[in-house]
Amino acid sequence: KYDRVARLSAHTENGDTSLTLDVNTELFPCTIGDRLQILLASTLSLDGSKDDGKGWRDIGRGEASVADEYDYVCHGKIYRFEEGDDENM
């Protein structure tokens, strides 16, 4: 259905955290073994203030944001989140 989207499965170097993410591979090509830096954030504001419903496209030109630090930005809902026990958070 989505020709340009791939589902990536990734894990941290120490194996404590795993992540499944859909990525537009036409905009951000990556292959098995590539190392990626990923940030999960509740806001794109550099000062951590609430976005008040603004998406990354709604930020004015020249207005700095966390998105400026990354080559690829996903913005939206997390559909499933699993917490671990005390040893595996």
PDB file of N, CA and C in Angstrom:
ATOM      1  N   LYS A   1       0.818  -1.192   0.000  1.00  0.00           N
ATOM      2  CA  LYS A   1       0.000   0.000   0.000  1.00  0.00           C
ATOM      3  C   LYS A   1       0.861   1.254   0.000  1.00  0.00           C
ATOM      4  N   TYR A   2       1.917   1.257   0.798  1.00  0.00           N
ATOM      5  CA  TYR A   2       2.815   2.407   0.867  1.00  0.00           C
ATOM      6  C   TYR A   2       4.149   2.008   0.250  1.00  0.00           C
ATOM      7  N   ASP A   3       4.348   2.328  -1.006  1.00  0.00           N
ATOM      8  CA  ASP A   3       5.529   1.882  -1.750  1.00  0.00           C
ATOM      9  C   ASP A   3       6.830   2.457  -1.216  1.00  0.00           C
ATOM     10  N   ARG A   4       6.795   3.662  -0.690  1.00  0.00           N
ATOM     11  CA  ARG A   4       8.030   4.327  -0.281  1.00  0.00           C
ATOM     12  C   ARG A   4       8.294   4.235   1.215  1.00  0.00           C
ATOM     13  N   VAL A   5       7.513   3.421   1.907  1.00  0.00           N
ATOM     14  CA  VAL A   5       7.648   3.319   3.359  1.00  0.00           C
ATOM     15  C   VAL A   5       8.162   1.935   3.737  1.00  0.00           C
ATOM     16  N   ALA A   6       9.153   1.923   4.607  1.00  0.00           N
ATOM     17  CA  ALA A   6       9.685   0.657   5.129  1.00  0.00           C
ATOM     18  C   ALA A   6       9.532   0.654   6.642  1.00  0.00           C
ATOM     19  N   ARG A   7       9.262  -0.501   7.182  1.00  0.00           N
ATOM     20  CA  ARG A   7       9.180  -0.653   8.633  1.00  0.00           C
ATOM     21  C   ARG A   7      10.535  -1.108   9.138  1.00  0.00           C
ATOM     22  N   LEU A   8      11.158  -0.288   9.959  1.00  0.00           N
ATOM     23  CA  LEU A   8      12.480  -0.582  10.514  1.00  0.00           C
ATOM     24  C   LEU A   8      12.339  -1.125  11.923  1.00  0.00           C
ATOM     25  N   SER A   9      13.159  -2.079  12.252  1.00  0.00           N
ATOM     26  CA  SER A   9      13.270  -2.580  13.622  1.00  0.00           C
ATOM     27  C   SER A   9      14.679  -2.261  14.075  1.00  0.00           C
ATOM     28  N   ALA A  10      14.780  -1.617  15.214  1.00  0.00           N
ATOM     29  CA  ALA A  10      16.099  -1.176  15.695  1.00  0.00           C
ATOM     30  C   ALA A  10      16.220  -1.453  17.189  1.00  0.00           C
ATOM     31  N   HIS A  11      17.441  -1.421  17.665  1.00  0.00           N
ATOM     32  CA  HIS A  11      17.694  -1.594  19.091  1.00  0.00           C
ATOM     33  C   HIS A  11      18.893  -0.749  19.493  1.00  0.00           C
ATOM     34  N   THR A  12      18.958  -0.432  20.781  1.00  0.00           N
ATOM     35  CA  THR A  12      20.089   0.333  21.276  1.00  0.00           C
ATOM     36  C   THR A  12      21.330  -0.535  21.273  1.00  0.00           C
ATOM     37  N   GLU A  13      22.485   0.109  21.376  1.00  0.00           N
ATOM     38  CA  GLU A  13      23.739  -0.636  21.340  1.00  0.00           C
ATOM     39  C   GLU A  13      23.829  -1.672  22.447  1.00  0.00           C
ATOM     40  N   ASN A  14      23.264  -1.363  23.626  1.00  0.00           N
ATOM     41  CA  ASN A  14      23.330  -2.319  24.731  1.00  0.00           C
ATOM     42  C   ASN A  14      22.144  -3.285  24.739  1.00  0.00           C
ATOM     43  N   GLY A  15      21.206  -3.117  23.783  1.00  0.00           N
ATOM     44  CA  GLY A  15      20.097  -4.037  23.649  1.00  0.00           C
ATOM     45  C   GLY A  15      18.953  -3.827  24.617  1.00  0.00           C
ATOM     46  N   ASP A  16      19.009  -2.784  25.447  1.00  0.00           N
ATOM     47  CA  ASP A  16      17.964  -2.538  26.440  1.00  0.00           C
ATOM     48  C   ASP A  16      16.648  -2.059  25.834  1.00  0.00           C
ATOM     49  N   THR A  17      16.702  -1.376  24.705  1.00  0.00           N
ATOM     50  CA  THR A  17      15.504  -0.788  24.112  1.00  0.00           C
ATOM     51  C   THR A  17      15.393  -1.181  22.654  1.00  0.00           C
ATOM     52  N   SER A  18      14.180  -1.522  22.231  1.00  0.00           N
ATOM     53  CA  SER A  18      13.944  -1.811  20.820  1.00  0.00           C
ATOM     54  C   SER A  18      12.849  -0.876  20.318  1.00  0.00           C
ATOM     55  N   LEU A  19      12.843  -0.658  19.001  1.00  0.00           N
ATOM     56  CA  LEU A  19      11.947   0.310  18.395  1.00  0.00           C
ATOM     57  C   LEU A  19      11.547  -0.175  17.012  1.00  0.00           C
ATOM     58  N   THR A  20      10.283  -0.018  16.679  1.00  0.00           N
ATOM     59  CA  THR A  20       9.796  -0.277  15.327  1.00  0.00           C
ATOM     60  C   THR A  20       9.266   1.047  14.798  1.00  0.00           C
ATOM     61  N   LEU A  21       9.732   1.436  13.614  1.00  0.00           N
ATOM     62  CA  LEU A  21       9.419   2.759  13.083  1.00  0.00           C
ATOM     63  C   LEU A  21       9.195   2.666  11.577  1.00  0.00           C
ATOM     64  N   ASP A  22       8.157   3.330  11.088  1.00  0.00           N
ATOM     65  CA  ASP A  22       7.903   3.415   9.655  1.00  0.00           C
ATOM     66  C   ASP A  22       8.613   4.646   9.110  1.00  0.00           C
ATOM     67  N   VAL A  23       9.421   4.460   8.058  1.00  0.00           N
ATOM     68  CA  VAL A  23      10.240   5.534   7.503  1.00  0.00           C
ATOM     69  C   VAL A  23      10.017   5.628   5.997  1.00  0.00           C
ATOM     70  N   ASN A  24       9.898   6.839   5.488  1.00  0.00           N
ATOM     71  CA  ASN A  24       9.817   7.069   4.047  1.00  0.00           C
ATOM     72  C   ASN A  24      11.232   6.913   3.496  1.00  0.00           C
ATOM     73  N   THR A  25      11.499   5.776   2.879  1.00  0.00           N
ATOM     74  CA  THR A  25      12.857   5.469   2.425  1.00  0.00           C
ATOM     75  C   THR A  25      13.260   6.235   1.171  1.00  0.00           C
ATOM     76  N   GLU A  26      12.299   6.867   0.507  1.00  0.00           N
ATOM     77  CA  GLU A  26      12.655   7.732  -0.616  1.00  0.00           C
ATOM     78  C   GLU A  26      13.274   9.031  -0.091  1.00  0.00           C
ATOM     79  N   LEU A  27      12.756   9.534   1.018  1.00  0.00           N
ATOM     80  CA  LEU A  27      13.287  10.752   1.627  1.00  0.00           C
ATOM     81  C   LEU A  27      14.504  10.475   2.511  1.00  0.00           C
ATOM     82  N   PHE A  28      14.501   9.323   3.156  1.00  0.00           N
ATOM     83  CA  PHE A  28      15.578   8.974   4.087  1.00  0.00           C
ATOM     84  C   PHE A  28      15.997   7.527   3.868  1.00  0.00           C
ATOM     85  N   PRO A  29      16.820   7.285   2.841  1.00  0.00           N
ATOM     86  CA  PRO A  29      17.243   5.906   2.572  1.00  0.00           C
ATOM     87  C   PRO A  29      18.184   5.388   3.667  1.00  0.00           C
ATOM     88  N   CYS A  30      17.947   4.176   4.099  1.00  0.00           N
ATOM     89  CA  CYS A  30      18.838   3.550   5.075  1.00  0.00           C
ATOM     90  C   CYS A  30      18.828   2.045   4.821  1.00  0.00           C
ATOM     91  N   THR A  31      19.896   1.398   5.245  1.00  0.00           N
ATOM     92  CA  THR A  31      20.035  -0.029   5.002  1.00  0.00           C
ATOM     93  C   THR A  31      20.356  -0.755   6.302  1.00  0.00           C
ATOM     94  N   ILE A  32      20.265  -2.060   6.269  1.00  0.00           N
ATOM     95  CA  ILE A  32      20.579  -2.881   7.437  1.00  0.00           C
ATOM     96  C   ILE A  32      22.005  -2.582   7.889  1.00  0.00           C
ATOM     97  N   GLY A  33      22.153  -2.370   9.176  1.00  0.00           N
ATOM     98  CA  GLY A  33      23.465  -2.087   9.746  1.00  0.00           C
ATOM     99  C   GLY A  33      23.761  -0.609   9.915  1.00  0.00           C
ATOM    100  N   ASP A  34      22.948   0.275   9.304  1.00  0.00           N
ATOM    101  CA  ASP A  34      23.155   1.708   9.492  1.00  0.00           C
ATOM    102  C   ASP A  34      22.921   2.069  10.948  1.00  0.00           C
ATOM    103  N   ARG A  35      23.706   3.005  11.453  1.00  0.00           N
ATOM    104  CA  ARG A  35      23.530   3.516  12.808  1.00  0.00           C
ATOM    105  C   ARG A  35      22.738   4.806  12.717  1.00  0.00           C
ATOM    106  N   LEU A  36      21.678   4.891  13.505  1.00  0.00           N
ATOM    107  CA  LEU A  36      20.810   6.057  13.506  1.00  0.00           C
ATOM    108  C   LEU A  36      20.752   6.663  14.895  1.00  0.00           C
ATOM    109  N   GLN A  37      20.645   7.967  14.952  1.00  0.00           N
ATOM    110  CA  GLN A  37      20.409   8.650  16.223  1.00  0.00           C
ATOM    111  C   GLN A  37      18.946   9.054  16.232  1.00  0.00           C
ATOM    112  N   ILE A  38      18.207   8.603  17.238  1.00  0.00           N
ATOM    113  CA  ILE A  38      16.767   8.836  17.313  1.00  0.00           C
ATOM    114  C   ILE A  38      16.447   9.586  18.598  1.00  0.00           C
ATOM    115  N   LEU A  39      15.563  10.558  18.478  1.00  0.00           N
ATOM    116  CA  LEU A  39      15.102  11.320  19.627  1.00  0.00           C
ATOM    117  C   LEU A  39      13.591  11.250  19.673  1.00  0.00           C
ATOM    118  N   LEU A  40      13.035  10.856  20.807  1.00  0.00           N
ATOM    119  CA  LEU A  40      11.595  10.923  21.034  1.00  0.00           C
ATOM    120  C   LEU A  40      11.356  12.138  21.919  1.00  0.00           C
ATOM    121  N   ALA A  41      10.505  13.043  21.454  1.00  0.00           N
ATOM    122  CA  ALA A  41      10.271  14.276  22.193  1.00  0.00           C
ATOM    123  C   ALA A  41       8.800  14.630  22.188  1.00  0.00           C
ATOM    124  N   SER A  42       8.341  15.278  23.229  1.00  0.00           N
ATOM    125  CA  SER A  42       6.940  15.707  23.304  1.00  0.00           C
ATOM    126  C   SER A  42       6.752  17.099  22.710  1.00  0.00           C
ATOM    127  N   THR A  43       7.850  17.746  22.354  1.00  0.00           N
ATOM    128  CA  THR A  43       7.784  19.075  21.761  1.00  0.00           C
ATOM    129  C   THR A  43       8.977  19.275  20.831  1.00  0.00           C
ATOM    130  N   LEU A  44       8.813  20.149  19.852  1.00  0.00           N
ATOM    131  CA  LEU A  44       9.932  20.498  18.978  1.00  0.00           C
ATOM    132  C   LEU A  44      10.601  21.790  19.409  1.00  0.00           C
ATOM    133  N   SER A  45      10.061  22.433  20.430  1.00  0.00           N
ATOM    134  CA  SER A  45      10.627  23.684  20.934  1.00  0.00           C
ATOM    135  C   SER A  45      11.956  23.432  21.620  1.00  0.00           C
ATOM    136  N   LEU A  46      12.933  24.265  21.317  1.00  0.00           N
ATOM    137  CA  LEU A  46      14.260  24.100  21.914  1.00  0.00           C
ATOM    138  C   LEU A  46      14.232  24.290  23.428  1.00  0.00           C
ATOM    139  N   ASP A  47      13.336  25.126  23.916  1.00  0.00           N
ATOM    140  CA  ASP A  47      13.273  25.376  25.357  1.00  0.00           C
ATOM    141  C   ASP A  47      12.375  24.388  26.098  1.00  0.00           C
ATOM    142  N   GLY A  48      11.783  23.436  25.363  1.00  0.00           N
ATOM    143  CA  GLY A  48      10.944  22.420  25.983  1.00  0.00           C
ATOM    144  C   GLY A  48       9.516  22.854  26.227  1.00  0.00           C
ATOM    145  N   SER A  49       9.150  24.060  25.792  1.00  0.00           N
ATOM    146  CA  SER A  49       7.795  24.536  26.013  1.00  0.00           C
ATOM    147  C   SER A  49       6.809  23.790  25.112  1.00  0.00           C
ATOM    148  N   LYS A  50       5.557  23.793  25.521  1.00  0.00           N
ATOM    149  CA  LYS A  50       4.500  23.079  24.806  1.00  0.00           C
ATOM    150  C   LYS A  50       4.307  23.664  23.406  1.00  0.00           C
ATOM    151  N   ASP A  51       4.046  22.794  22.432  1.00  0.00           N
ATOM    152  CA  ASP A  51       3.866  23.234  21.050  1.00  0.00           C
ATOM    153  C   ASP A  51       2.491  23.826  20.783  1.00  0.00           C
ATOM    154  N   ASP A  52       1.545  23.681  21.696  1.00  0.00           N
ATOM    155  CA  ASP A  52       0.185  24.182  21.522  1.00  0.00           C
ATOM    156  C   ASP A  52      -0.449  23.693  20.232  1.00  0.00           C
ATOM    157  N   GLY A  53      -0.206  22.430  19.906  1.00  0.00           N
ATOM    158  CA  GLY A  53      -0.836  21.830  18.736  1.00  0.00           C
ATOM    159  C   GLY A  53      -0.154  22.117  17.419  1.00  0.00           C
ATOM    160  N   LYS A  54       0.927  22.903  17.423  1.00  0.00           N
ATOM    161  CA  LYS A  54       1.637  23.181  16.178  1.00  0.00           C
ATOM    162  C   LYS A  54       2.435  21.953  15.763  1.00  0.00           C
ATOM    163  N   GLY A  55       2.405  21.638  14.483  1.00  0.00           N
ATOM    164  CA  GLY A  55       3.219  20.565  13.950  1.00  0.00           C
ATOM    165  C   GLY A  55       4.547  21.128  13.462  1.00  0.00           C
ATOM    166  N   TRP A  56       5.432  20.269  13.031  1.00  0.00           N
ATOM    167  CA  TRP A  56       6.749  20.740  12.588  1.00  0.00           C
ATOM    168  C   TRP A  56       6.634  21.606  11.345  1.00  0.00           C
ATOM    169  N   ARG A  57       5.604  21.419  10.539  1.00  0.00           N
ATOM    170  CA  ARG A  57       5.430  22.256   9.352  1.00  0.00           C
ATOM    171  C   ARG A  57       4.877  23.635   9.682  1.00  0.00           C
ATOM    172  N   ASP A  58       4.279  23.785  10.861  1.00  0.00           N
ATOM    173  CA  ASP A  58       3.682  25.055  11.261  1.00  0.00           C
ATOM    174  C   ASP A  58       4.686  26.030  11.860  1.00  0.00           C
ATOM    175  N   ILE A  59       5.890  25.569  12.089  1.00  0.00           N
ATOM    176  CA  ILE A  59       6.919  26.450  12.652  1.00  0.00           C
ATOM    177  C   ILE A  59       7.349  27.429  11.571  1.00  0.00           C
ATOM    178  N   GLY A  60       7.417  28.707  11.939  1.00  0.00           N
ATOM    179  CA  GLY A  60       7.749  29.746  10.964  1.00  0.00           C
ATOM    180  C   GLY A  60       9.161  29.612  10.418  1.00  0.00           C
ATOM    181  N   ARG A  61       9.356  30.101   9.224  1.00  0.00           N
ATOM    182  CA  ARG A  61      10.704  30.072   8.621  1.00  0.00           C
ATOM    183  C   ARG A  61      11.666  30.874   9.495  1.00  0.00           C
ATOM    184  N   GLY A  62      12.823  30.315   9.691  1.00  0.00           N
ATOM    185  CA  GLY A  62      13.823  30.980  10.514  1.00  0.00           C
ATOM    186  C   GLY A  62      13.665  30.713  12.000  1.00  0.00           C
ATOM    187  N   GLU A  63      12.535  30.125  12.406  1.00  0.00           N
ATOM    188  CA  GLU A  63      12.319  29.801  13.805  1.00  0.00           C
ATOM    189  C   GLU A  63      13.017  28.476  14.117  1.00  0.00           C
ATOM    190  N   ALA A  64      13.957  28.498  15.026  1.00  0.00           N
ATOM    191  CA  ALA A  64      14.746  27.306  15.353  1.00  0.00           C
ATOM    192  C   ALA A  64      13.894  26.284  16.098  1.00  0.00           C
ATOM    193  N   SER A  65      14.162  24.996  15.841  1.00  0.00           N
ATOM    194  CA  SER A  65      13.470  23.920  16.544  1.00  0.00           C
ATOM    195  C   SER A  65      14.383  22.709  16.640  1.00  0.00           C
ATOM    196  N   VAL A  66      13.969  21.739  17.408  1.00  0.00           N
ATOM    197  CA  VAL A  66      14.720  20.491  17.551  1.00  0.00           C
ATOM    198  C   VAL A  66      14.867  19.811  16.185  1.00  0.00           C
ATOM    199  N   ALA A  67      13.885  19.974  15.308  1.00  0.00           N
ATOM    200  CA  ALA A  67      13.911  19.346  13.984  1.00  0.00           C
ATOM    201  C   ALA A  67      15.121  19.796  13.162  1.00  0.00           C
ATOM    202  N   ASP A  68      15.657  20.961  13.447  1.00  0.00           N
ATOM    203  CA  ASP A  68      16.826  21.462  12.713  1.00  0.00           C
ATOM    204  C   ASP A  68      18.065  20.591  12.916  1.00  0.00           C
ATOM    205  N   GLU A  69      18.080  19.816  13.975  1.00  0.00           N
ATOM    206  CA  GLU A  69      19.241  19.001  14.330  1.00  0.00           C
ATOM    207  C   GLU A  69      19.225  17.622  13.671  1.00  0.00           C
ATOM    208  N   TYR A  70      18.150  17.303  12.930  1.00  0.00           N
ATOM    209  CA  TYR A  70      17.994  15.960  12.376  1.00  0.00           C
ATOM    210  C   TYR A  70      17.705  16.003  10.880  1.00  0.00           C
ATOM    211  N   ASP A  71      18.096  14.940  10.178  1.00  0.00           N
ATOM    212  CA  ASP A  71      17.870  14.840   8.743  1.00  0.00           C
ATOM    213  C   ASP A  71      16.453  14.400   8.407  1.00  0.00           C
ATOM    214  N   TYR A  72      15.793  13.696   9.314  1.00  0.00           N
ATOM    215  CA  TYR A  72      14.461  13.145   9.063  1.00  0.00           C
ATOM    216  C   TYR A  72      13.631  13.322  10.320  1.00  0.00           C
ATOM    217  N   VAL A  73      12.409  13.831  10.186  1.00  0.00           N
ATOM    218  CA  VAL A  73      11.545  14.082  11.343  1.00  0.00           C
ATOM    219  C   VAL A  73      10.200  13.403  11.125  1.00  0.00           C
ATOM    220  N   CYS A  74       9.782  12.614  12.105  1.00  0.00           N
ATOM    221  CA  CYS A  74       8.432  12.044  12.131  1.00  0.00           C
ATOM    222  C   CYS A  74       7.662  12.812  13.192  1.00  0.00           C
ATOM    223  N   HIS A  75       6.429  13.144  12.896  1.00  0.00           N
ATOM    224  CA  HIS A  75       5.618  13.879  13.847  1.00  0.00           C
ATOM    225  C   HIS A  75       4.256  13.223  13.900  1.00  0.00           C
ATOM    226  N   GLY A  76       3.815  12.834  15.060  1.00  0.00           N
ATOM    227  CA  GLY A  76       2.514  12.198  15.158  1.00  0.00           C
ATOM    228  C   GLY A  76       2.375  11.407  16.433  1.00  0.00           C
ATOM    229  N   LYS A  77       1.518  10.414  16.379  1.00  0.00           N
ATOM    230  CA  LYS A  77       1.194   9.621  17.556  1.00  0.00           C
ATOM    231  C   LYS A  77       2.040   8.365  17.635  1.00  0.00           C
ATOM    232  N   ILE A  78       2.320   7.966  18.843  1.00  0.00           N
ATOM    233  CA  ILE A  78       2.925   6.668  19.102  1.00  0.00           C
ATOM    234  C   ILE A  78       1.762   5.710  19.284  1.00  0.00           C
ATOM    235  N   TYR A  79       1.692   4.683  18.461  1.00  0.00           N
ATOM    236  CA  TYR A  79       0.538   3.798  18.471  1.00  0.00           C
ATOM    237  C   TYR A  79       0.598   2.714  19.530  1.00  0.00           C
ATOM    238  N   ARG A  80       1.782   2.303  19.901  1.00  0.00           N
ATOM    239  CA  ARG A  80       1.882   1.277  20.932  1.00  0.00           C
ATOM    240  C   ARG A  80       3.171   1.498  21.711  1.00  0.00           C
ATOM    241  N   PHE A  81       3.052   1.424  23.003  1.00  0.00           N
ATOM    242  CA  PHE A  81       4.192   1.599  23.896  1.00  0.00           C
ATOM    243  C   PHE A  81       4.138   0.505  24.938  1.00  0.00           C
ATOM    244  N   GLU A  82       5.234  -0.196  25.123  1.00  0.00           N
ATOM    245  CA  GLU A  82       5.280  -1.273  26.108  1.00  0.00           C
ATOM    246  C   GLU A  82       6.319  -0.941  27.166  1.00  0.00           C
ATOM    247  N   GLU A  83       5.893  -0.954  28.420  1.00  0.00           N
ATOM    248  CA  GLU A  83       6.829  -0.734  29.516  1.00  0.00           C
ATOM    249  C   GLU A  83       7.308  -2.066  30.051  1.00  0.00           C
ATOM    250  N   GLY A  84       8.538  -2.068  30.504  1.00  0.00           N
ATOM    251  CA  GLY A  84       9.093  -3.282  31.086  1.00  0.00           C
ATOM    252  C   GLY A  84       8.906  -3.296  32.594  1.00  0.00           C
ATOM    253  N   ASP A  85       9.499  -4.268  33.247  1.00  0.00           N
ATOM    254  CA  ASP A  85       9.453  -4.329  34.705  1.00  0.00           C
ATOM    255  C   ASP A  85      10.549  -3.407  35.261  1.00  0.00           C
ATOM    256  N   ASP A  86      10.848  -3.532  36.559  1.00  0.00           N
ATOM    257  CA  ASP A  86      11.830  -2.652  37.189  1.00  0.00           C
ATOM    258  C   ASP A  86      13.190  -2.706  36.505  1.00  0.00           C
ATOM    259  N   GLU A  87      13.591  -3.874  36.034  1.00  0.00           N
ATOM    260  CA  GLU A  87      14.895  -4.015  35.395  1.00  0.00           C
ATOM    261  C   GLU A  87      14.864  -3.630  33.927  1.00  0.00           C
ATOM    262  N   ASN A  88      13.698  -3.709  33.295  1.00  0.00           N
ATOM    263  CA  ASN A  88      13.565  -3.421  31.851  1.00  0.00           C
ATOM    264  C   ASN A  88      12.505  -2.361  31.630  1.00  0.00           C
ATOM    265  N   MET A  89      12.878  -1.110  31.780  1.00  0.00           N
ATOM    266  CA  MET A  89      11.920  -0.009  31.580  1.00  0.00           C
ATOM    267  C   MET A  89      11.903   0.423  30.157  1.00  0.00           C
TER     268      MET A  89
END
